[in-house]
């Protein structure tokens, strides 16, 4: 019994010791956990002063209460304090302008200035002195210049100088375009209009020579007028084609047409531009009316009609030449044709075209509506000088083949000019 009592007494003492040591061990482990947590929080929240203060509150709460509830509340307070602190945004790095980009921008504005110079020379030499008005604000400026010049040449060369008039009349159009169209396009147009107007005014100040369609006696020479209209229209067309390929504009009726098209897209912008240019060309008849008034005596109806229609017809001639040449320059000089061949011998025809002309051929299938029979359709694009060779291949291989030919507006790719 004593041993049993001793044994029970020993167990009771060990259990008592363990019971006394348990809180200390738990407190030690909790303290180590808090130290690790404090170290992590101090490392993560070092830049945030208010968050650090909240972490200290958490430490004090844990040490005083000896449990985790206050620590969690302090941690939540620290998170809220950290969220309240506005972290400054890192400013975005400015985009670096590469050499290639700088070269492209420089090239663009060089082309712009060259085109403005060439158009100014062309209009000053061939168009303005002969009273042609082939569309645009420049055409209206030409009409005003020549109309004023018939009665007061000094006023025409100063206040109503074509360069000044063109620039002034384009200002309200550019302001409207700034809010209605692409701002980059408007800026480029402003640069080219300013350059063009400056060149025109400069040529007038230095007395640049002009091509005046008059004979030695001072009478109007119709042959020289035709030459002036053709040359002026052709050179202007080349410049216009290059400008269109580079998304440039001479403002005036171009912008008016684009704005009208934006609000009334039933017709294309090109049709609106052509309509505006035609109106300006018709307005050049005003110069013929002024010439009638200056004729001695009473002019005959034929003389009066000739005087009125001459500036209009020459203006239209120059305008048409400009449009045709600009279209060729913009679309490319290579004229190509598209062959569509419906045949029952597609292999033979395609092989001969490929071997003789080194042209690609696309084969598709089609079904006739009336017969319901399936046929092969060959599609092939060739240059204009190769048209007879293709016709001969078709007639020799399959005389019953159905062929129709269409004009290709622009072709780019392997075997033709490069794209762009």
Protein backbone atom coordinates (compact mmCIF):
# COMPACT_ATOMS: atom_id res chain seq x y z
CA UNK A 1 0.00 0.00 0.00
CA UNK A 2 2.84 2.35 0.77
CA UNK A 3 4.52 1.57 -2.54
CA UNK A 4 1.28 2.12 -4.24
CA UNK A 5 0.85 5.37 -2.41
CA UNK A 6 4.41 6.38 -3.18
CA UNK A 7 3.89 5.54 -6.81
CA UNK A 8 0.67 7.47 -6.87
CA UNK A 9 2.33 10.30 -5.07
CA UNK A 10 5.16 10.35 -7.63
CA UNK A 11 2.70 10.39 -10.51
CA UNK A 12 0.77 13.15 -8.91
CA UNK A 13 3.94 15.22 -8.56
CA UNK A 14 4.94 14.63 -12.22
CA UNK A 15 1.48 15.53 -13.43
CA UNK A 16 1.59 18.54 -11.21
CA UNK A 17 4.97 19.56 -12.67
CA UNK A 18 3.72 19.06 -16.21
CA UNK A 19 0.63 21.05 -15.42
CA UNK A 20 2.79 23.87 -14.07
CA UNK A 21 5.18 23.78 -17.09
CA UNK A 22 2.47 23.64 -19.81
CA UNK A 23 1.50 27.34 -19.69
CA UNK A 24 5.14 28.38 -19.78
CA UNK A 25 5.85 26.20 -22.84
CA UNK A 26 2.72 27.42 -24.58
CA UNK A 27 3.68 31.00 -23.81
CA UNK A 28 7.20 30.38 -25.15
CA UNK A 29 5.89 28.90 -28.40
CA UNK A 30 3.40 31.73 -28.78
CA UNK A 31 6.17 34.26 -28.22
CA UNK A 32 8.35 32.62 -30.92
CA UNK A 33 5.42 32.65 -33.33
CA UNK A 34 4.77 36.31 -32.61
CA UNK A 35 8.43 37.16 -33.19
CA UNK A 36 8.37 35.42 -36.56
CA UNK A 37 5.14 37.18 -37.46
CA UNK A 38 6.55 40.55 -36.34
CA UNK A 39 9.67 40.00 -38.43
CA UNK A 40 7.59 39.24 -41.54
CA UNK A 41 5.33 42.23 -40.98
CA UNK A 42 8.23 44.60 -40.39
CA UNK A 43 9.93 43.40 -43.56
CA UNK A 44 6.80 43.84 -45.69
CA UNK A 45 5.55 47.08 -44.20
CA UNK A 46 8.79 48.98 -43.67
CA UNK A 47 7.86 51.87 -46.09
CA UNK A 48 4.48 52.32 -44.44
CA UNK A 49 4.84 54.23 -41.12
CA UNK A 50 1.22 53.98 -40.13
CA UNK A 51 1.19 50.25 -40.81
CA UNK A 52 4.24 49.83 -38.57
CA UNK A 53 2.44 51.62 -35.81
CA UNK A 54 -0.49 49.29 -36.20
CA UNK A 55 1.85 46.32 -36.04
CA UNK A 56 3.23 47.63 -32.75
CA UNK A 57 -0.29 47.87 -31.43
CA UNK A 58 -0.72 44.24 -32.43
CA UNK A 59 2.44 43.28 -30.51
CA UNK A 60 1.30 45.10 -27.41
CA UNK A 61 -2.13 43.56 -27.59
CA UNK A 62 -0.72 40.07 -27.91
CA UNK A 63 1.75 40.51 -25.09
CA UNK A 64 -0.87 41.94 -22.74
CA UNK A 65 -3.71 39.53 -23.39
CA UNK A 66 -1.66 36.45 -24.19
CA UNK A 67 -4.02 35.19 -26.95
CA UNK A 68 -4.42 35.59 -30.72
CA UNK A 69 -7.69 37.57 -30.88
CA UNK A 70 -6.10 40.95 -30.22
CA UNK A 71 -3.28 40.16 -32.63
CA UNK A 72 -5.81 39.53 -35.41
CA UNK A 73 -7.58 42.81 -34.67
CA UNK A 74 -4.27 44.67 -34.74
CA UNK A 75 -3.34 42.99 -38.02
CA UNK A 76 -6.65 44.10 -39.55
CA UNK A 77 -5.99 47.62 -38.32
CA UNK A 78 -2.54 47.51 -39.89
CA UNK A 79 -4.00 46.36 -43.23
CA UNK A 80 -6.53 49.19 -43.18
CA UNK A 81 -3.83 51.73 -42.38
CA UNK A 82 -1.69 50.42 -45.20
CA UNK A 83 -4.61 50.64 -47.62
CA UNK A 84 -5.20 54.28 -46.66
CA UNK A 85 -1.65 55.23 -47.62
CA UNK A 86 -1.53 56.41 -51.26
CA UNK A 87 1.34 54.71 -53.04
CA UNK A 88 2.68 57.09 -55.71
CA UNK A 89 2.28 55.76 -59.28
CA UNK A 90 5.45 55.09 -61.19
CA UNK A 91 5.55 57.55 -64.13
CA UNK A 92 5.48 55.91 -67.56
CA UNK A 93 8.70 56.07 -69.46
CA UNK A 94 8.50 58.39 -72.48
CA UNK A 95 8.49 56.60 -75.82
CA UNK A 96 11.83 56.65 -77.51
CA UNK A 97 11.88 58.01 -81.04
CA UNK A 98 13.75 55.50 -83.15
CA UNK A 99 15.92 56.48 -86.09
CA UNK A 100 13.55 54.71 -88.44
CA UNK A 101 10.56 56.66 -87.12
CA UNK A 102 12.45 59.94 -87.32
CA UNK A 103 13.49 59.12 -90.88
CA UNK A 104 9.88 58.38 -91.89
CA UNK A 105 8.59 61.63 -90.38
CA UNK A 106 11.38 63.64 -91.99
CA UNK A 107 10.81 61.97 -95.35
CA UNK A 108 7.08 62.68 -95.13
CA UNK A 109 7.54 66.40 -94.55
CA UNK A 110 10.23 66.67 -97.23
CA UNK A 111 7.81 65.14 -99.75
CA UNK A 112 5.11 67.48 -98.47
CA UNK A 113 7.23 70.58 -99.03
CA UNK A 114 8.44 69.42 -102.45
CA UNK A 115 4.86 68.74 -103.59
CA UNK A 116 3.76 72.16 -102.33
CA UNK A 117 6.61 73.80 -104.24
CA UNK A 118 5.91 71.97 -107.51
CA UNK A 119 2.19 72.69 -107.35
CA UNK A 120 2.89 76.33 -106.60
CA UNK A 121 5.22 76.60 -109.59
CA UNK A 122 2.73 74.85 -111.88
CA UNK A 123 -0.22 76.98 -110.86
CA UNK A 124 1.74 80.22 -110.91
CA UNK A 125 3.26 79.57 -114.35
CA UNK A 126 0.45 77.82 -116.29
CA UNK A 127 -2.88 78.10 -114.47
CA UNK A 128 -3.22 81.48 -112.76
CA UNK A 129 -2.03 83.82 -115.56
CA UNK A 130 -4.36 82.17 -118.11
CA UNK A 131 -7.43 82.33 -115.89
CA UNK A 132 -8.00 78.59 -115.51
CA UNK A 133 -9.86 77.40 -112.43
CA UNK A 134 -9.57 73.59 -112.30
CA UNK A 135 -11.36 73.23 -108.98
CA UNK A 136 -10.40 73.80 -105.37
CA UNK A 137 -9.94 76.91 -103.31
CA UNK A 138 -6.94 77.67 -105.51
CA UNK A 139 -9.32 77.87 -108.47
CA UNK A 140 -11.53 80.37 -106.64
CA UNK A 141 -8.43 82.40 -105.75
CA UNK A 142 -7.45 82.40 -109.43
CA UNK A 143 -10.89 83.70 -110.46
CA UNK A 144 -10.74 86.49 -107.86
CA UNK A 145 -7.19 87.44 -108.86
CA UNK A 146 -7.98 87.66 -112.57
CA UNK A 147 -11.31 89.41 -112.02
CA UNK A 148 -9.74 92.13 -109.85
CA UNK A 149 -6.69 92.31 -112.10
CA UNK A 150 -8.79 93.35 -115.11
CA UNK A 151 -9.67 96.61 -113.39
CA UNK A 152 -6.94 97.12 -110.77
CA UNK A 153 -3.74 95.06 -111.29
CA UNK A 154 -1.98 96.61 -108.30
CA UNK A 155 -4.77 95.61 -105.93
CA UNK A 156 -4.80 92.11 -107.41
CA UNK A 157 -1.05 91.68 -106.81
CA UNK A 158 -1.23 92.85 -103.20
CA UNK A 159 -4.49 92.32 -101.32
CA UNK A 160 -5.89 89.66 -103.65
CA UNK A 161 -2.66 87.82 -104.28
CA UNK A 162 -3.59 84.16 -105.01
CA UNK A 163 -1.32 82.90 -102.25
CA UNK A 164 -2.88 85.14 -99.61
CA UNK A 165 -6.42 84.50 -100.81
CA UNK A 166 -5.91 80.73 -100.85
CA UNK A 167 -4.56 80.72 -97.30
CA UNK A 168 -7.29 83.00 -95.90
CA UNK A 169 -10.16 81.06 -97.48
CA UNK A 170 -8.78 77.75 -96.22
CA UNK A 171 -8.59 78.86 -92.58
CA UNK A 172 -12.32 78.43 -91.77
CA UNK A 173 -12.37 75.13 -93.66
CA UNK A 174 -9.44 73.84 -91.62
CA UNK A 175 -11.10 74.94 -88.38
CA UNK A 176 -14.24 72.97 -89.23
CA UNK A 177 -12.13 70.01 -90.34
CA UNK A 178 -10.24 70.06 -87.04
CA UNK A 179 -13.43 69.11 -85.20
CA UNK A 180 -14.94 66.95 -87.94
CA UNK A 181 -11.99 64.99 -89.34
CA UNK A 182 -8.69 63.45 -88.25
CA UNK A 183 -6.56 66.06 -86.46
CA UNK A 184 -3.28 64.68 -87.81
CA UNK A 185 -4.64 64.94 -91.35
CA UNK A 186 -5.72 68.53 -90.69
CA UNK A 187 -2.28 69.45 -89.32
CA UNK A 188 -0.51 68.03 -92.37
CA UNK A 189 -2.95 69.86 -94.64
CA UNK A 190 -2.30 73.10 -92.78
CA UNK A 191 1.45 72.72 -93.32
CA UNK A 192 1.11 72.08 -97.05
CA UNK A 193 -1.38 74.93 -97.55
CA UNK A 194 0.86 77.34 -95.67
CA UNK A 195 3.86 76.28 -97.74
CA UNK A 196 1.93 76.48 -101.02
CA UNK A 197 0.57 79.94 -100.23
CA UNK A 198 4.00 81.18 -99.17
CA UNK A 199 5.58 79.94 -102.42
CA UNK A 200 2.86 81.58 -104.56
CA UNK A 201 3.30 84.90 -102.77
CA UNK A 202 7.08 84.66 -103.01
CA UNK A 203 6.95 84.04 -106.78
CA UNK A 204 4.85 87.16 -107.20
CA UNK A 205 7.28 89.26 -105.16
CA UNK A 206 10.36 88.16 -107.12
CA UNK A 207 8.66 88.40 -110.51
CA UNK A 208 8.81 84.70 -111.42
CA UNK A 209 8.17 84.19 -115.19
CA UNK A 210 4.79 82.88 -116.40
CA UNK A 211 3.47 81.06 -119.49
CA UNK A 212 0.94 83.52 -120.88
CA UNK A 213 -1.15 82.16 -123.77
CA UNK A 214 -0.97 85.23 -125.99
CA UNK A 215 0.69 85.92 -129.31
CA UNK A 216 3.12 88.73 -130.12
CA UNK A 217 0.23 91.13 -130.75
CA UNK A 218 -1.26 90.43 -127.32
CA UNK A 219 -4.23 88.42 -128.60
CA UNK A 220 -5.22 85.18 -126.91
CA UNK A 221 -3.68 82.12 -128.60
CA UNK A 222 -5.96 79.08 -128.33
CA UNK A 223 -3.11 76.67 -129.08
CA UNK A 224 -1.03 78.06 -126.24
CA UNK A 225 -4.07 77.86 -123.94
CA UNK A 226 -4.44 74.15 -124.71
CA UNK A 227 -0.74 73.58 -124.03
CA UNK A 228 -0.98 75.46 -120.73
CA UNK A 229 -4.05 73.50 -119.66
CA UNK A 230 -2.48 70.13 -120.56
CA UNK A 231 0.92 70.80 -118.98
CA UNK A 232 -0.56 72.40 -115.89
CA UNK A 233 -3.04 69.56 -115.46
CA UNK A 234 -0.44 66.83 -116.00
CA UNK A 235 2.10 68.21 -113.52
CA UNK A 236 -0.62 68.88 -110.97
CA UNK A 237 -1.87 65.31 -111.47
CA UNK A 238 1.55 63.86 -110.73
CA UNK A 239 1.77 65.87 -107.53
CA UNK A 240 -1.78 64.97 -106.54
CA UNK A 241 -1.15 61.25 -107.11
CA UNK A 242 1.96 61.31 -104.93
CA UNK A 243 0.10 63.25 -102.27
CA UNK A 244 -2.78 60.77 -102.27
CA UNK A 245 -0.34 57.87 -101.88
CA UNK A 246 1.05 59.65 -98.79
CA UNK A 247 -2.34 60.69 -97.37
CA UNK A 248 -1.83 64.39 -98.09
CA UNK A 249 -4.34 66.99 -99.20
CA UNK A 250 -4.48 70.53 -100.55
CA UNK A 251 -7.51 71.29 -98.35
CA UNK A 252 -10.26 73.29 -100.04
CA UNK A 253 -12.78 71.11 -101.86
CA UNK A 254 -11.00 67.95 -100.69
CA UNK A 255 -11.94 68.67 -97.08
CA UNK A 256 -15.41 69.95 -98.03
CA UNK A 257 -16.06 66.69 -99.91
CA UNK A 258 -14.86 64.60 -96.97
CA UNK A 259 -17.04 66.49 -94.49
CA UNK A 260 -20.14 66.20 -96.70
CA UNK A 261 -19.44 62.49 -97.20
CA UNK A 262 -19.15 61.96 -93.45
CA UNK A 263 -22.65 63.33 -92.88
CA UNK A 264 -24.13 61.96 -96.11
CA UNK A 265 -22.26 58.77 -97.08
CA UNK A 266 -24.73 57.82 -99.81
CA UNK A 267 -22.11 58.86 -102.39
CA UNK A 268 -18.37 58.43 -102.09
CA UNK A 269 -16.13 61.27 -100.95
CA UNK A 270 -14.49 61.39 -104.39
CA UNK A 271 -17.82 62.18 -106.02
CA UNK A 272 -18.42 65.08 -103.65
CA UNK A 273 -14.91 66.42 -104.35
CA UNK A 274 -15.48 66.15 -108.11
CA UNK A 275 -18.83 67.92 -107.73
CA UNK A 276 -17.20 70.80 -105.82
CA UNK A 277 -14.42 71.08 -108.41
CA UNK A 278 -16.96 71.17 -111.25
CA UNK A 279 -18.78 74.04 -109.55
CA UNK A 280 -15.51 75.98 -109.29
CA UNK A 281 -14.69 75.28 -112.96
CA UNK A 282 -18.11 76.59 -113.97
CA UNK A 283 -17.49 79.73 -111.95
CA UNK A 284 -14.54 80.58 -114.21
CA UNK A 285 -17.12 81.71 -116.79
CA UNK A 286 -17.28 84.92 -114.78
CA UNK A 287 -13.97 85.90 -116.36
CA UNK A 288 -15.52 85.46 -119.82
CA UNK A 289 -18.40 87.74 -118.86
CA UNK A 290 -15.91 90.40 -117.79
CA UNK A 291 -14.09 90.00 -121.13
CA UNK A 292 -17.36 90.62 -122.98
CA UNK A 293 -17.81 93.92 -121.18
CA UNK A 294 -14.31 94.98 -122.19
CA UNK A 295 -14.86 94.17 -125.90
CA UNK A 296 -15.13 97.20 -128.20
CA UNK A 297 -18.57 97.79 -129.63
CA UNK A 298 -21.30 95.20 -129.41
CA UNK A 299 -19.89 91.66 -129.56
CA UNK A 300 -21.66 89.02 -131.62
CA UNK A 301 -23.41 86.11 -129.87
CA UNK A 302 -20.68 83.77 -131.12
CA UNK A 303 -17.94 85.97 -129.70
CA UNK A 304 -19.81 86.28 -126.40
CA UNK A 305 -20.40 82.53 -126.11
CA UNK A 306 -16.75 81.82 -126.95
CA UNK A 307 -15.58 84.30 -124.34
CA UNK A 308 -17.75 82.73 -121.62
CA UNK A 309 -17.09 79.07 -122.47
CA UNK A 310 -13.34 79.33 -123.11
CA UNK A 311 -12.21 79.59 -119.46
CA UNK A 312 -14.78 76.95 -118.45
CA UNK A 313 -13.67 74.43 -121.08
CA UNK A 314 -9.97 74.95 -120.45
CA UNK A 315 -10.58 74.61 -116.72
CA UNK A 316 -12.38 71.30 -117.27
CA UNK A 317 -9.61 70.14 -119.61
CA UNK A 318 -6.99 70.81 -116.97
CA UNK A 319 -9.18 69.19 -114.29
CA UNK A 320 -9.70 66.01 -116.35
CA UNK A 321 -6.00 65.67 -117.14
CA UNK A 322 -5.19 66.14 -113.45
CA UNK A 323 -7.66 63.42 -112.42
CA UNK A 324 -6.44 60.90 -115.01
CA UNK A 325 -2.75 61.42 -114.26
CA UNK A 326 -3.34 61.36 -110.50
CA UNK A 327 -5.25 58.07 -110.83
CA UNK A 328 -2.39 56.51 -112.81
CA UNK A 329 0.22 57.68 -110.31
CA UNK A 330 -1.82 56.56 -107.32
CA UNK A 331 -2.84 53.15 -108.70
CA UNK A 332 0.38 52.35 -110.53
CA UNK A 333 1.69 52.49 -114.06
CA UNK A 334 1.27 48.78 -114.78
CA UNK A 335 -2.00 48.06 -116.56
CA UNK A 336 -3.22 44.52 -115.88
CA UNK A 337 -6.17 42.44 -117.03
CA UNK A 338 -8.08 39.67 -115.28
CA UNK A 339 -9.10 36.62 -117.34
CA UNK A 340 -12.07 34.59 -116.12
CA UNK A 341 -12.23 31.38 -118.15
CA UNK A 342 -15.04 28.82 -117.82
CA UNK A 343 -13.80 25.66 -119.50
CA UNK A 344 -13.94 21.87 -119.51
CA UNK A 345 -10.19 21.67 -120.14
CA UNK A 346 -8.76 23.51 -117.15
CA UNK A 347 -5.57 21.45 -116.82
CA UNK A 348 -4.43 22.06 -120.41
CA UNK A 349 -5.14 25.81 -120.39
CA UNK A 350 -3.62 26.39 -116.93
CA UNK A 351 -0.50 24.41 -117.86
CA UNK A 352 0.07 26.41 -121.05
CA UNK A 353 -0.44 29.76 -119.30
CA UNK A 354 1.97 28.73 -116.57
CA UNK A 355 4.63 27.44 -119.00
CA UNK A 356 4.46 30.22 -121.60
CA UNK A 357 3.71 33.29 -119.47
CA UNK A 358 4.89 32.14 -116.04
CA UNK A 359 1.66 33.40 -114.52
CA UNK A 360 -0.26 31.80 -111.69
CA UNK A 361 -3.72 30.40 -112.30
CA UNK A 362 -6.47 29.93 -109.69
CA UNK A 363 -8.97 27.12 -110.27
CA UNK A 364 -12.49 27.17 -108.83
CA UNK A 365 -15.70 25.26 -109.56
CA UNK A 366 -18.98 26.68 -110.86
CA UNK A 367 -22.35 25.23 -111.79
CA UNK A 368 -24.42 26.53 -114.69
CA UNK A 369 -27.91 27.56 -113.62
CA UNK A 370 -29.66 26.38 -116.79
CA UNK A 371 -27.81 23.12 -117.44
CA UNK A 372 -26.83 22.29 -113.87
CA UNK A 373 -23.48 21.07 -115.19
CA UNK A 374 -20.33 21.70 -113.16
CA UNK A 375 -17.44 23.48 -114.89
CA UNK A 376 -13.99 24.67 -113.91
CA UNK A 377 -13.30 28.41 -113.72
CA UNK A 378 -9.76 29.69 -114.24
CA UNK A 379 -8.76 33.07 -112.84
CA UNK A 380 -5.55 34.62 -114.14
CA UNK A 381 -4.08 38.14 -113.98
CA UNK A 382 -1.75 39.13 -116.82
CA UNK A 383 -0.17 42.31 -118.11
CA UNK A 384 -1.76 44.11 -121.03
CA UNK A 385 0.93 43.03 -123.49
CA UNK A 386 0.18 39.37 -122.72
CA UNK A 387 -3.52 39.53 -123.60
CA UNK A 388 -3.16 38.15 -127.15
CA UNK A 389 -1.06 35.21 -125.97
CA UNK A 390 -3.74 34.17 -123.48
CA UNK A 391 -6.46 34.52 -126.12
CA UNK A 392 -4.51 32.27 -128.49
CA UNK A 393 -4.01 29.64 -125.77
CA UNK A 394 -7.74 29.58 -125.04
CA UNK A 395 -8.82 29.40 -128.70
CA UNK A 396 -6.34 26.61 -129.48
CA UNK A 397 -7.08 24.50 -126.40
CA UNK A 398 -10.82 24.94 -125.88
CA UNK A 399 -12.63 27.00 -128.54
CA UNK A 400 -15.90 26.48 -126.64
CA UNK A 401 -14.57 28.09 -123.44
CA UNK A 402 -16.51 31.09 -122.12
CA UNK A 403 -14.13 33.97 -121.35
CA UNK A 404 -14.61 37.47 -120.02
CA UNK A 405 -11.90 40.02 -119.28
CA UNK A 406 -11.95 42.81 -116.68
CA UNK A 407 -9.59 45.68 -115.98
CA UNK A 408 -7.53 45.40 -112.79
CA UNK A 409 -7.31 48.77 -111.06
CA UNK A 410 -4.17 47.90 -109.12
CA UNK A 411 -2.14 44.70 -108.89
CA UNK A 412 0.63 43.99 -106.38
CA UNK A 413 2.49 40.84 -105.55
CA UNK A 414 4.84 38.30 -107.07
CA UNK A 415 5.27 38.93 -110.78
CA UNK A 416 3.90 42.46 -110.47
CA UNK A 417 5.06 45.59 -108.67
CA UNK A 418 5.64 45.41 -104.94
CA UNK A 419 2.78 46.28 -102.62
CA UNK A 420 2.62 49.82 -101.23
